[in-house]
Amino acid sequence: MLSSYTKSRYAITNIQNLFKNQKYIRSISTTVRTRFAPSPTGFLHLGSLRTALFNYLWAKKCNGEFIVRLEDTDQKRKVNNSEQSIYDLLQTFGLQWDEGPITGGPFGPYEQSKRLHIYSEYISKLLASGKAYKYYDECSTLSPKTDKTPYVVRFCSQEGATSFVDTVYGKITIKNNTPKVLSDDFVILKSDGYPTYHFANVVDDHLMGVTHVIRGEEWIPSTPKHIQLYKAFQWQPPTYSHIPLLTNPDGSKLSKRQNDAHVTSLLERGFEPMAILNFLALMGWSSRQKSDIIPLPQLLEVFSIDRLTKGSCIVALEKLQFLNKHYLRERMTDPVQLDQIVEEMQKGLKKKYPNSLSRISDSAYVRRCLLLLHNRIRTLPEFIDLCAYFFEDPLQNTIHHKLTSTTNVPMLLSRLLHDLQACSWQSLTLQTVLKDTSSAFGLPLGKLQSLIRQILCGSIPGANLADTIHILGRDTTLHRIEAYKKTIY
């Protein structure tokens, strides 16, 4: 649903079956061109990545072109190197643009700060036609007749109402002030010579042939300004699709200051790029698929802007963790990617367990640990903590067995040590040894396994015990059981 600010000023008319035909797509023969226009003012936000994704999917679904344009006219808020970070992240997620910075294209430059001469030309046209005017600072001590007097250029806005068609919300009519006030004549050129977002946005979208604009619903209040500028130039506006904002579970807006809102933060926490894309695709779009697992190639087949939704989009990390677990397991089925994961985990393990470098350096050993625990981890960093007992001995004083007082625990452990010393070191054989020991002492297998798991793994829950013992190896297993046995005499 629309945000609360829409209730007082917007009259919304729903349009049924908006896409039963394609009259709202300019022409079947027209190439669909979408754009992602980030500002280099900080970290890439989850909402921005979703905007990039939807624009990318729609362009590719229609065999069109996806453009990246850097909107860097706000020089005061520009953060150094953030533009390169944006480009790197888009490529990390596989959202390669057809035109834009680095790649170039026929409608460049694709950085707004390099297009000031273009904006100046169109500002002059509006001034000449009387559709805009210079506004001088009333507090200035300089005469308006002096060339050095600072001024801004304001657009002559319309009175009445402005209407436009949105593919998500239908026809939207926004009432303007009547009579209008000075603030209604919005600034299109700032005193520093840079255009405002609204003006540069419209000029660039037109000159670059953008046919569809998919963006957050926070831009709905600004759209009438854009429509009025299109009319002033006698240009045709693009097709607009405004998607709902991302929110926290409590309904509040997902702030750019929150770590969960930063794409780089999620990547650093071990979330897979495809899991994040899949997660974002399900927010603001109805997939109509039987499964929520929709990889990028499938998204390209099934995505359509006629199924963009109005509903609130709650960022629930539990869903992202579920998706990540799937894509992580999928990566591990590829031998090449599994080797890459092992190498990545070895770096983290060396920092966490510096006293176990010889085992950590054994790629085959780390791989076996990873494959044993892969069903229990949702992100790779979880493996670092979950596999602790494979690289260091657990604390013996934290072990509390649930065996009855009549059970001779030292004798039980002696029998187990003897059998483990003599048996072949295979998972099935080790499982048989555990069963035989529990039977010999009249114990449920589960209670014996609980004790042995605590001795070998500490308080960390693990995978199948026989498989765990198999990977730990004979020497480590016997050493830990012997060490515990000494504490109970």
Protein backbone atom coordinates (compact mmCIF):
# COMPACT_ATOMS: atom_id res chain seq x y z
CA MET A 1 0.00 0.00 0.00
CA LEU A 2 1.03 3.59 -0.45
CA SER A 3 2.74 5.36 2.42
CA SER A 4 0.65 7.52 4.75
CA TYR A 5 1.51 10.74 2.96
CA THR A 6 -0.55 9.60 -0.01
CA LYS A 7 -3.83 9.54 1.87
CA SER A 8 -4.45 13.30 1.90
CA ARG A 9 -3.25 14.41 -1.54
CA TYR A 10 -3.56 11.47 -3.90
CA ALA A 11 -6.62 10.30 -5.75
CA ILE A 12 -5.77 6.88 -7.15
CA THR A 13 -7.77 5.19 -9.86
CA ASN A 14 -7.06 1.49 -10.28
CA ILE A 15 -6.73 0.30 -13.82
CA GLN A 16 -7.84 -3.30 -14.29
CA ASN A 17 -5.92 -5.69 -16.52
CA LEU A 18 -3.33 -3.04 -17.29
CA PHE A 19 -1.20 -5.47 -19.25
CA LYS A 20 -3.78 -7.53 -21.14
CA ASN A 21 -2.37 -5.76 -24.14
CA GLN A 22 0.87 -3.88 -24.54
CA LYS A 23 -0.45 -0.40 -25.22
CA TYR A 24 1.41 0.85 -22.17
CA ILE A 25 4.68 -0.29 -23.64
CA ARG A 26 5.40 2.43 -26.15
CA SER A 27 5.55 0.14 -29.10
CA ILE A 28 6.23 -3.53 -29.63
CA SER A 29 9.00 -2.49 -31.98
CA THR A 30 10.52 -0.06 -29.46
CA THR A 31 13.57 -1.38 -27.63
CA VAL A 32 12.96 -1.47 -23.90
CA ARG A 33 15.61 0.58 -22.12
CA THR A 34 15.80 0.72 -18.35
CA ARG A 35 18.30 2.41 -16.10
CA PHE A 36 19.78 2.22 -12.64
CA ALA A 37 20.91 5.65 -11.47
CA PRO A 38 22.70 5.47 -8.11
CA SER A 39 24.23 8.38 -6.23
CA PRO A 40 27.81 7.93 -4.97
CA THR A 41 26.95 9.10 -1.47
CA GLY A 42 27.77 5.99 0.54
CA PHE A 43 27.10 2.26 0.79
CA LEU A 44 24.83 0.53 -1.70
CA HIS A 45 21.49 -0.01 0.03
CA LEU A 46 19.43 -3.19 -0.30
CA GLY A 47 16.61 -1.12 -1.76
CA SER A 48 18.95 0.26 -4.42
CA LEU A 49 20.14 -3.22 -5.35
CA ARG A 50 16.52 -4.35 -5.69
CA THR A 51 15.85 -1.38 -7.99
CA ALA A 52 18.87 -2.34 -10.10
CA LEU A 53 17.71 -5.97 -10.19
CA PHE A 54 14.15 -5.19 -11.33
CA ASN A 55 15.37 -2.80 -14.04
CA TYR A 56 17.94 -5.35 -15.20
CA LEU A 57 15.39 -8.19 -15.28
CA TRP A 58 12.82 -6.20 -17.24
CA ALA A 59 15.35 -5.02 -19.83
CA LYS A 60 16.72 -8.52 -20.36
CA LYS A 61 13.27 -10.13 -20.35
CA CYS A 62 12.33 -7.80 -23.24
CA ASN A 63 15.66 -8.26 -25.07
CA GLY A 64 16.30 -4.62 -24.24
CA GLU A 65 19.17 -2.63 -22.75
CA PHE A 66 20.12 -1.95 -19.16
CA ILE A 67 21.84 1.37 -18.48
CA VAL A 68 23.83 2.51 -15.45
CA ARG A 69 24.04 6.26 -14.92
CA LEU A 70 25.87 7.90 -12.04
CA GLU A 71 23.81 10.74 -10.53
CA ASP A 72 26.61 12.71 -8.89
CA THR A 73 25.28 16.26 -9.04
CA ASP A 74 25.22 16.50 -5.23
CA GLN A 75 28.93 17.14 -4.92
CA LYS A 76 28.78 17.97 -1.19
CA ARG A 77 27.54 14.50 -0.26
CA LYS A 78 29.77 12.56 -2.65
CA VAL A 79 31.87 9.85 -0.96
CA ASN A 80 35.25 9.06 -2.48
CA ASN A 81 35.51 5.70 -4.27
CA SER A 82 31.85 4.90 -3.68
CA GLU A 83 31.13 4.90 -7.41
CA GLN A 84 33.73 2.16 -8.00
CA SER A 85 32.22 0.21 -5.13
CA ILE A 86 28.81 0.42 -6.83
CA TYR A 87 30.20 -0.85 -10.14
CA ASP A 88 32.07 -3.70 -8.42
CA LEU A 89 28.96 -4.78 -6.51
CA LEU A 90 26.76 -4.80 -9.61
CA GLN A 91 29.28 -7.08 -11.30
CA THR A 92 29.50 -9.28 -8.18
CA PHE A 93 25.75 -9.84 -8.49
CA GLY A 94 25.92 -10.48 -12.24
CA LEU A 95 24.01 -7.31 -13.18
CA GLN A 96 26.24 -6.27 -16.07
CA TRP A 97 25.09 -3.11 -17.79
CA ASP A 98 24.97 -2.58 -21.55
CA GLU A 99 25.77 1.13 -21.37
CA GLY A 100 27.27 3.23 -18.65
CA PRO A 101 30.51 4.16 -16.90
CA ILE A 102 33.48 1.99 -17.83
CA THR A 103 31.65 0.29 -20.72
CA GLY A 104 30.63 3.55 -22.44
CA GLY A 105 27.87 3.80 -25.02
CA PRO A 106 26.29 6.06 -27.65
CA PHE A 107 24.56 8.38 -25.14
CA GLY A 108 27.46 9.16 -22.81
CA PRO A 109 28.95 10.47 -20.74
CA TYR A 110 27.10 8.47 -18.12
CA GLU A 111 28.21 10.55 -15.13
CA GLN A 112 26.00 13.59 -14.59
CA SER A 113 28.87 15.76 -13.40
CA LYS A 114 30.29 15.42 -16.94
CA ARG A 115 27.02 16.48 -18.61
CA LEU A 116 26.76 20.06 -17.30
CA HIS A 117 27.03 21.52 -20.81
CA ILE A 118 24.03 19.42 -21.87
CA TYR A 119 21.90 20.60 -18.94
CA SER A 120 22.90 24.22 -19.62
CA GLU A 121 21.51 23.92 -23.14
CA TYR A 122 18.12 22.71 -21.93
CA ILE A 123 17.99 25.25 -19.10
CA SER A 124 18.46 27.94 -21.75
CA LYS A 125 15.56 26.55 -23.77
CA LEU A 126 13.20 26.75 -20.81
CA LEU A 127 14.35 30.27 -19.99
CA ALA A 128 13.88 31.37 -23.59
CA SER A 129 10.37 29.93 -23.74
CA GLY A 130 9.34 31.54 -20.46
CA LYS A 131 8.81 28.19 -18.77
CA ALA A 132 11.57 28.90 -16.26
CA TYR A 133 13.09 31.99 -14.71
CA LYS A 134 16.12 33.13 -12.76
CA TYR A 135 15.51 33.70 -9.10
CA TYR A 136 18.00 35.88 -7.23
CA ASP A 137 18.77 35.53 -3.56
CA GLU A 138 16.80 38.28 -1.83
CA CYS A 139 19.47 38.48 0.88
CA SER A 140 22.25 39.14 -1.61
CA THR A 141 24.01 42.52 -1.34
CA LEU A 142 24.83 42.44 -5.03
CA SER A 143 22.60 43.99 -7.66
CA PRO A 144 20.53 41.55 -9.75
CA LYS A 145 21.95 43.31 -12.79
CA THR A 146 25.48 42.14 -11.95
CA ASP A 147 26.61 38.99 -13.73
CA LYS A 148 28.19 37.71 -10.52
CA THR A 149 24.96 37.83 -8.55
CA PRO A 150 24.13 34.30 -7.36
CA TYR A 151 20.84 32.93 -8.60
CA VAL A 152 18.94 29.72 -9.13
CA VAL A 153 16.64 28.79 -11.97
CA ARG A 154 13.06 27.89 -11.05
CA PHE A 155 10.59 26.02 -13.22
CA CYS A 156 7.15 27.60 -13.77
CA SER A 157 4.98 24.88 -12.30
CA GLN A 158 1.36 24.31 -13.22
CA GLU A 159 -1.69 24.92 -11.09
CA GLY A 160 -4.48 22.38 -10.83
CA ALA A 161 -3.56 18.72 -10.80
CA THR A 162 -1.05 16.42 -12.46
CA SER A 163 -1.92 12.87 -13.44
CA PHE A 164 0.17 9.95 -14.61
CA VAL A 165 -0.25 6.21 -15.06
CA ASP A 166 1.78 3.86 -12.89
CA THR A 167 1.93 0.13 -13.69
CA VAL A 168 1.63 -0.75 -10.00
CA TYR A 169 -0.89 1.82 -8.68
CA GLY A 170 -2.82 2.67 -11.83
CA LYS A 171 -3.74 6.28 -12.54
CA ILE A 172 -2.45 8.67 -9.89
CA THR A 173 -3.68 12.26 -9.66
CA ILE A 174 -1.82 14.66 -7.40
CA LYS A 175 -3.37 18.03 -6.64
CA ASN A 176 -1.15 21.08 -6.86
CA ASN A 177 -1.58 24.20 -4.76
CA THR A 178 -4.11 26.68 -6.18
CA PRO A 179 -3.06 29.41 -6.21
CA LYS A 180 0.50 28.23 -6.26
CA VAL A 181 3.21 29.58 -3.98
CA LEU A 182 6.87 30.26 -4.70
CA SER A 183 7.99 26.86 -3.41
CA ASP A 184 5.81 25.24 -6.08
CA ASP A 185 8.17 26.67 -8.69
CA PHE A 186 10.83 24.11 -7.93
CA VAL A 187 14.52 24.77 -8.52
CA ILE A 188 16.03 23.08 -11.57
CA LEU A 189 19.46 24.74 -11.51
CA LYS A 190 21.33 25.43 -8.27
CA SER A 191 23.52 28.47 -7.64
CA ASP A 192 26.66 26.33 -7.99
CA GLY A 193 25.77 25.63 -11.62
CA TYR A 194 24.70 22.05 -11.03
CA PRO A 195 21.21 20.91 -11.99
CA THR A 196 18.89 19.46 -9.39
CA TYR A 197 18.06 15.77 -9.43
CA HIS A 198 14.61 16.35 -10.92
CA PHE A 199 15.87 18.26 -13.95
CA ALA A 200 18.93 16.13 -14.73
CA ASN A 201 16.87 12.98 -14.27
CA VAL A 202 14.30 14.00 -16.88
CA VAL A 203 16.81 15.29 -19.42
CA ASP A 204 18.99 12.21 -19.14
CA ASP A 205 16.12 9.72 -19.29
CA HIS A 206 14.85 11.38 -22.46
CA LEU A 207 18.21 11.75 -24.21
CA MET A 208 19.21 8.19 -23.31
CA GLY A 209 15.93 6.78 -24.62
CA VAL A 210 14.79 5.30 -21.30
CA THR A 211 11.39 3.67 -21.83
CA HIS A 212 10.70 2.29 -18.33
CA VAL A 213 11.51 3.66 -14.90
CA ILE A 214 11.22 1.22 -12.00
CA ARG A 215 11.94 2.89 -8.67
CA GLY A 216 10.83 3.11 -5.04
CA GLU A 217 7.46 4.56 -4.08
CA GLU A 218 9.19 7.41 -2.24
CA TRP A 219 9.53 9.03 -5.68
CA ILE A 220 5.77 9.21 -6.26
CA PRO A 221 5.47 12.76 -4.80
CA SER A 222 8.22 13.95 -7.18
CA THR A 223 6.78 12.38 -10.30
CA PRO A 224 4.43 15.33 -11.08
CA LYS A 225 7.52 17.55 -11.32
CA HIS A 226 8.99 15.15 -13.83
CA ILE A 227 5.75 14.96 -15.80
CA GLN A 228 5.54 18.75 -15.97
CA LEU A 229 9.11 18.95 -17.28
CA TYR A 230 8.32 16.36 -19.95
CA LYS A 231 5.33 18.40 -21.02
CA ALA A 232 7.38 21.62 -21.09
CA PHE A 233 9.82 20.01 -23.54
CA GLN A 234 7.00 18.21 -25.39
CA TRP A 235 8.64 14.88 -24.68
CA GLN A 236 6.91 11.57 -23.99
CA PRO A 237 7.38 10.35 -20.39
CA PRO A 238 8.59 6.79 -19.77
CA THR A 239 6.41 4.09 -18.24
CA TYR A 240 6.57 4.39 -14.45
CA SER A 241 6.53 1.53 -11.94
CA HIS A 242 6.83 2.48 -8.26
CA ILE A 243 7.64 -0.37 -5.92
CA PRO A 244 7.01 -0.46 -2.15
CA LEU A 245 9.70 0.42 0.35
CA LEU A 246 11.66 -2.17 2.29
CA THR A 247 10.72 -2.21 5.96
CA ASN A 248 11.84 -3.71 9.26
CA PRO A 249 9.65 -6.38 10.90
CA ASP A 250 8.08 -3.62 13.04
CA GLY A 251 6.97 -1.76 9.91
CA SER A 252 9.54 1.05 10.14
CA LYS A 253 11.52 2.02 7.07
CA LEU A 254 14.77 0.11 6.56
CA SER A 255 17.31 2.81 7.32
CA LYS A 256 20.51 3.29 5.37
CA ARG A 257 22.26 3.47 8.74
CA GLN A 258 21.39 -0.13 9.59
CA ASN A 259 23.99 -2.80 8.83
CA ASP A 260 21.32 -5.14 7.48
CA ALA A 261 20.50 -2.50 4.88
CA HIS A 262 24.03 -2.45 3.46
CA VAL A 263 24.77 -4.88 0.66
CA THR A 264 28.47 -5.07 1.57
CA SER A 265 27.58 -5.90 5.17
CA LEU A 266 25.49 -8.89 4.10
CA LEU A 267 28.26 -10.13 1.81
CA GLU A 268 30.80 -9.82 4.62
CA ARG A 269 28.50 -11.84 6.87
CA GLY A 270 28.65 -14.70 4.39
CA PHE A 271 25.46 -14.33 2.39
CA GLU A 272 25.75 -15.55 -1.20
CA PRO A 273 25.11 -13.00 -3.98
CA MET A 274 22.47 -15.21 -5.62
CA ALA A 275 20.70 -15.70 -2.29
CA ILE A 276 20.51 -11.93 -1.81
CA LEU A 277 19.17 -11.41 -5.36
CA ASN A 278 16.60 -14.16 -4.90
CA PHE A 279 15.60 -12.63 -1.56
CA LEU A 280 15.14 -9.17 -3.08
CA ALA A 281 13.23 -10.50 -6.09
CA LEU A 282 10.53 -11.80 -3.76
CA MET A 283 9.99 -8.35 -2.22
CA GLY A 284 7.67 -6.25 -4.33
CA TRP A 285 7.06 -8.87 -7.01
CA SER A 286 4.69 -11.85 -7.09
CA SER A 287 6.58 -14.79 -8.56
CA ARG A 288 3.68 -17.29 -8.87
CA GLN A 289 6.28 -20.04 -8.70
CA LYS A 290 5.86 -23.19 -6.60
CA SER A 291 9.19 -22.59 -4.90
CA ASP A 292 10.82 -19.47 -3.50
CA ILE A 293 14.14 -20.72 -4.91
CA ILE A 294 14.44 -18.74 -8.15
CA PRO A 295 18.01 -18.37 -9.49
CA LEU A 296 18.88 -15.51 -11.82
CA PRO A 297 18.47 -17.45 -15.12
CA GLN A 298 14.95 -18.43 -14.06
CA LEU A 299 14.18 -14.90 -12.87
CA LEU A 300 15.02 -13.69 -16.37
CA GLU A 301 12.38 -16.03 -17.75
CA VAL A 302 9.52 -15.38 -15.33
CA PHE A 303 9.92 -11.73 -14.27
CA SER A 304 7.31 -9.24 -15.48
CA ILE A 305 6.39 -5.75 -14.31
CA ASP A 306 2.69 -6.56 -14.43
CA ARG A 307 3.23 -8.60 -11.26
CA LEU A 308 4.94 -5.90 -9.24
CA THR A 309 3.03 -5.53 -5.98
CA LYS A 310 1.89 -2.82 -3.57
CA GLY A 311 2.23 -4.82 -0.37
CA SER A 312 4.72 -4.02 2.34
CA CYS A 313 8.13 -5.66 1.96
CA ILE A 314 9.47 -6.83 5.30
CA VAL A 315 13.17 -7.61 5.36
CA ALA A 316 13.16 -10.86 7.36
CA LEU A 317 16.68 -12.25 7.59
CA GLU A 318 15.29 -15.68 8.46
CA LYS A 319 14.09 -15.97 4.87
CA LEU A 320 17.46 -14.83 3.56
CA GLN A 321 19.20 -17.43 5.74
CA PHE A 322 16.92 -20.14 4.34
CA LEU A 323 17.73 -19.12 0.77
CA ASN A 324 21.42 -18.81 1.55
CA LYS A 325 21.56 -22.34 2.91
CA HIS A 326 20.19 -23.62 -0.39
CA TYR A 327 22.62 -21.68 -2.60
CA LEU A 328 25.56 -22.54 -0.35
CA ARG A 329 24.79 -26.26 -0.59
CA GLU A 330 24.43 -25.86 -4.35
CA ARG A 331 27.87 -24.27 -4.58
CA MET A 332 29.38 -27.17 -2.69
CA THR A 333 28.19 -29.64 -5.33
CA ASP A 334 30.56 -27.98 -7.81
CA PRO A 335 34.12 -29.31 -7.22
CA VAL A 336 35.73 -26.09 -8.41
CA GLN A 337 33.58 -23.88 -6.19
CA LEU A 338 34.02 -26.28 -3.29
CA ASP A 339 37.80 -25.87 -3.59
CA GLN A 340 37.33 -22.10 -3.53
CA ILE A 341 35.19 -22.34 -0.40
CA VAL A 342 37.76 -24.57 1.31
CA GLU A 343 40.50 -22.08 0.53
CA GLU A 344 38.35 -19.24 1.87
CA MET A 345 37.56 -21.19 5.06
CA GLN A 346 41.24 -21.99 5.64
CA LYS A 347 41.97 -18.25 5.89
CA GLY A 348 39.29 -17.79 8.53
CA LEU A 349 40.29 -20.94 10.43
CA LYS A 350 43.91 -19.85 10.70
CA LYS A 351 42.82 -16.63 12.41
CA LYS A 352 40.41 -18.45 14.74
CA TYR A 353 42.59 -21.47 15.61
CA PRO A 354 46.26 -20.46 15.26
CA ASN A 355 47.41 -23.53 17.24
CA SER A 356 46.03 -25.96 14.66
CA LEU A 357 47.79 -24.75 11.53
CA SER A 358 48.90 -28.21 10.45
CA ARG A 359 45.33 -29.53 10.32
CA ILE A 360 44.00 -26.31 8.80
CA SER A 361 46.61 -26.52 6.05
CA ASP A 362 45.28 -29.96 5.11
CA SER A 363 42.71 -29.04 2.44
CA ALA A 364 41.28 -32.56 2.32
CA TYR A 365 40.66 -32.50 6.07
CA VAL A 366 38.93 -29.11 5.96
CA ARG A 367 36.84 -30.29 2.99
CA ARG A 368 35.65 -33.35 4.89
CA CYS A 369 34.68 -31.21 7.88
CA LEU A 370 32.82 -28.78 5.65
CA LEU A 371 30.88 -31.50 3.83
CA LEU A 372 29.95 -33.15 7.11
CA LEU A 373 28.53 -29.93 8.57
CA HIS A 374 27.13 -28.30 5.44
CA ASN A 375 23.53 -29.16 6.33
CA ARG A 376 23.92 -27.33 9.64
CA ILE A 377 25.27 -24.01 8.37
CA ARG A 378 23.37 -21.15 6.79
CA THR A 379 26.40 -18.98 6.07
CA LEU A 380 30.08 -19.86 5.71
CA PRO A 381 31.19 -17.86 8.79
CA GLU A 382 28.94 -20.13 10.89
CA PHE A 383 31.19 -23.04 9.93
CA ILE A 384 34.18 -21.36 11.61
CA ASP A 385 32.50 -21.60 15.01
CA LEU A 386 30.60 -24.84 14.44
CA CYS A 387 33.72 -26.83 13.54
CA ALA A 388 35.76 -25.78 16.60
CA TYR A 389 36.15 -29.35 17.96
CA PHE A 390 37.84 -30.45 14.75
CA PHE A 391 40.70 -28.05 15.47
CA GLU A 392 40.96 -27.75 19.26
CA ASP A 393 40.17 -29.90 22.29
CA PRO A 394 36.96 -29.00 24.14
CA LEU A 395 37.02 -28.10 27.84
CA GLN A 396 36.68 -31.29 29.86
CA ASN A 397 35.16 -29.59 32.93
CA THR A 398 31.99 -28.72 31.00
CA ILE A 399 30.97 -32.36 30.48
CA HIS A 400 27.89 -33.57 32.37
CA HIS A 401 26.79 -37.09 31.49
CA LYS A 402 23.27 -38.42 32.06
CA LEU A 403 24.25 -41.98 32.86
CA THR A 404 22.79 -43.63 35.95
CA SER A 405 24.82 -43.88 39.16
CA THR A 406 25.01 -47.65 38.72
CA THR A 407 26.91 -47.31 35.45
CA ASN A 408 30.62 -47.87 35.84
CA VAL A 409 31.75 -45.01 33.58
CA PRO A 410 35.51 -45.66 33.86
CA MET A 411 34.98 -49.32 32.90
CA LEU A 412 32.68 -48.29 30.06
CA LEU A 413 35.28 -45.87 28.68
CA SER A 414 38.02 -48.51 29.03
CA ARG A 415 35.97 -50.96 26.99
CA LEU A 416 35.28 -48.28 24.37
CA LEU A 417 38.95 -47.25 24.18
CA HIS A 418 39.98 -50.88 23.67
CA ASP A 419 37.48 -51.42 20.86
CA LEU A 420 38.34 -48.11 19.17
CA GLN A 421 42.01 -49.00 19.30
CA ALA A 422 41.42 -52.35 17.61
CA CYS A 423 38.71 -51.63 15.01
CA SER A 424 39.06 -50.54 11.41
CA TRP A 425 38.55 -46.79 11.11
CA GLN A 426 35.36 -46.59 9.06
CA SER A 427 32.08 -44.87 9.95
CA LEU A 428 30.00 -48.06 9.83
CA THR A 429 32.49 -49.92 12.00
CA LEU A 430 32.64 -47.05 14.49
CA GLN A 431 28.84 -47.01 14.71
CA THR A 432 28.91 -50.76 15.47
CA VAL A 433 31.46 -50.21 18.25
CA LEU A 434 29.18 -47.61 19.87
CA LYS A 435 26.18 -49.93 19.66
CA ASP A 436 28.09 -52.92 21.09
CA THR A 437 29.41 -50.84 24.00
CA SER A 438 25.97 -49.51 24.89
CA SER A 439 24.50 -53.03 24.74
CA ALA A 440 27.28 -54.48 26.88
CA PHE A 441 26.50 -52.01 29.67
CA GLY A 442 22.71 -52.07 29.22
CA LEU A 443 22.52 -48.45 28.13
CA PRO A 444 20.37 -46.73 25.51
CA LEU A 445 22.59 -45.86 22.56
CA GLY A 446 21.49 -42.24 22.72
CA LYS A 447 22.80 -41.76 26.28
CA LEU A 448 26.19 -43.21 25.42
CA GLN A 449 26.42 -41.07 22.29
CA SER A 450 25.52 -37.97 24.32
CA LEU A 451 28.45 -38.60 26.66
CA ILE A 452 30.93 -39.35 23.88
CA ARG A 453 29.77 -36.33 21.88
CA GLN A 454 30.42 -34.07 24.89
CA ILE A 455 33.86 -35.59 25.38
CA LEU A 456 34.82 -35.15 21.73
CA CYS A 457 32.88 -32.00 20.72
CA GLY A 458 32.10 -30.13 23.93
CA SER A 459 28.80 -28.28 24.00
CA ILE A 460 28.67 -27.66 20.24
CA PRO A 461 25.95 -29.68 18.48
CA GLY A 462 27.40 -31.76 15.70
CA ALA A 463 26.62 -34.10 12.87
CA ASN A 464 26.46 -37.92 12.96
CA LEU A 465 28.75 -39.06 15.78
CA ALA A 466 30.35 -41.98 13.91
CA ASP A 467 31.15 -39.68 10.98
CA THR A 468 32.57 -37.10 13.39
CA ILE A 469 34.81 -39.72 15.05
CA HIS A 470 35.94 -40.91 11.63
CA ILE A 471 37.11 -37.41 10.64
CA LEU A 472 38.70 -36.63 14.02
CA GLY A 473 40.88 -39.69 13.59
CA ARG A 474 41.97 -42.45 15.95
CA ASP A 475 44.70 -40.52 17.80
CA THR A 476 42.59 -37.44 18.58
CA THR A 477 39.57 -39.53 19.59
CA LEU A 478 41.54 -41.78 21.94
CA HIS A 479 43.41 -38.82 23.42
CA ARG A 480 40.22 -36.93 24.32
CA ILE A 481 38.49 -39.96 25.85
CA GLU A 482 41.61 -40.81 27.87
CA ALA A 483 41.86 -37.21 29.09
CA TYR A 484 38.26 -37.24 30.30
CA LYS A 485 38.67 -40.66 31.91
CA LYS A 486 41.47 -39.28 34.07
CA THR A 487 39.20 -36.50 35.39
CA ILE A 488 36.65 -38.95 36.86
CA TYR A 489 38.96 -41.14 38.90
